[in-house]
Amino acid sequence: MKNNNTHRMLVSLILLAMLSGCSANNAKHFACDMAEGTVESARDRANDSPDRMNDNDVANGIFTAMLRGLGRLISGSKKPACR
């Protein structure tokens, strides 16, 4: 499982490099998406384990933020950050 986290982190870093020319609004989107992804991951795991949020949840949050950011970049969406 540790390999999976490493893979996600590498993909996230590659996507971050692709999106490095962020405006302030894109940075807000990234922060919100990362927070939402981290909380969603922790919630999904909450029924299986009594543990609190962990590194895997944070990695999932970063990965979620990268995918959502890439989707916004491709679609040209101009939604405001933090709905």
Protein backbone atom coordinates (compact mmCIF):
# COMPACT_ATOMS: atom_id res chain seq x y z
CA MET A 1 0.00 0.00 0.00
CA LYS A 2 2.91 2.33 0.66
CA ASN A 3 3.87 2.04 -3.01
CA ASN A 4 0.42 3.31 -3.98
CA ASN A 5 0.88 6.44 -1.85
CA THR A 6 4.28 7.07 -3.41
CA HIS A 7 2.77 6.73 -6.86
CA ARG A 8 -0.04 9.16 -6.04
CA MET A 9 2.42 11.66 -4.59
CA LEU A 10 4.61 11.49 -7.72
CA VAL A 11 1.62 11.97 -10.01
CA SER A 12 0.46 14.87 -7.83
CA LEU A 13 3.86 16.53 -8.04
CA ILE A 14 3.93 16.13 -11.83
CA LEU A 15 0.47 17.68 -12.11
CA LEU A 16 1.51 20.45 -9.73
CA ALA A 17 4.45 21.22 -11.99
CA MET A 18 2.07 21.39 -14.96
CA LEU A 19 -0.20 23.79 -13.10
CA SER A 20 2.58 25.86 -11.55
CA GLY A 21 1.57 29.02 -13.40
CA CYS A 22 -1.38 29.47 -11.04
CA SER A 23 -3.28 32.67 -10.52
CA ALA A 24 -4.50 33.57 -7.03
CA ASN A 25 -7.93 32.11 -7.83
CA ASN A 26 -6.36 28.81 -8.93
CA ALA A 27 -4.43 28.68 -5.66
CA LYS A 28 -7.69 29.15 -3.72
CA HIS A 29 -9.29 26.38 -5.77
CA PHE A 30 -6.36 24.09 -5.03
CA ALA A 31 -6.54 24.77 -1.28
CA CYS A 32 -10.30 24.16 -1.18
CA ASP A 33 -10.10 21.03 -3.33
CA MET A 34 -7.28 19.64 -1.20
CA ALA A 35 -9.25 20.23 1.99
CA GLU A 36 -12.40 18.67 0.51
CA GLY A 37 -10.49 15.66 -0.82
CA THR A 38 -8.73 15.08 2.50
CA VAL A 39 -11.98 15.25 4.47
CA GLU A 40 -13.78 12.98 1.97
CA SER A 41 -10.99 10.42 2.25
CA ALA A 42 -11.06 10.51 6.05
CA ARG A 43 -14.86 10.18 6.04
CA ASP A 44 -14.74 7.21 3.65
CA ARG A 45 -12.28 5.45 5.95
CA ALA A 46 -14.07 6.40 9.19
CA ASN A 47 -16.37 3.37 9.10
CA ASP A 48 -13.43 0.98 8.67
CA SER A 49 -11.01 2.40 11.22
CA PRO A 50 -11.25 4.46 14.41
CA ASP A 51 -8.02 6.30 13.49
CA ARG A 52 -8.06 10.00 12.81
CA MET A 53 -6.86 11.62 9.61
CA ASN A 54 -3.53 10.25 8.39
CA ASP A 55 -0.93 10.77 5.65
CA ASN A 56 -2.89 8.65 3.21
CA ASP A 57 -5.88 11.00 3.54
CA VAL A 58 -3.66 14.00 2.86
CA ALA A 59 -2.14 12.27 -0.19
CA ASN A 60 -5.67 11.54 -1.44
CA GLY A 61 -6.60 15.19 -0.88
CA ILE A 62 -3.63 16.42 -2.91
CA PHE A 63 -4.40 13.92 -5.66
CA THR A 64 -8.06 14.99 -5.72
CA ALA A 65 -7.07 18.67 -5.90
CA MET A 66 -4.71 17.98 -8.80
CA LEU A 67 -7.34 16.09 -10.77
CA ARG A 68 -9.97 18.76 -10.18
CA GLY A 69 -7.49 21.49 -11.12
CA LEU A 70 -6.55 19.69 -14.31
CA GLY A 71 -10.23 19.28 -15.14
CA ARG A 72 -10.83 23.01 -14.59
CA LEU A 73 -7.79 23.84 -16.72
CA ILE A 74 -9.01 21.66 -19.59
CA SER A 75 -12.64 22.81 -19.39
CA GLY A 76 -11.81 26.48 -18.85
CA SER A 77 -14.21 26.63 -15.89
CA LYS A 78 -14.37 29.96 -14.05
CA LYS A 79 -16.28 28.85 -10.92
CA PRO A 80 -15.47 30.77 -7.73
CA ALA A 81 -13.33 28.91 -5.19
CA CYS A 82 -14.76 27.36 -2.00
CA ARG A 83 -18.38 26.79 -2.83
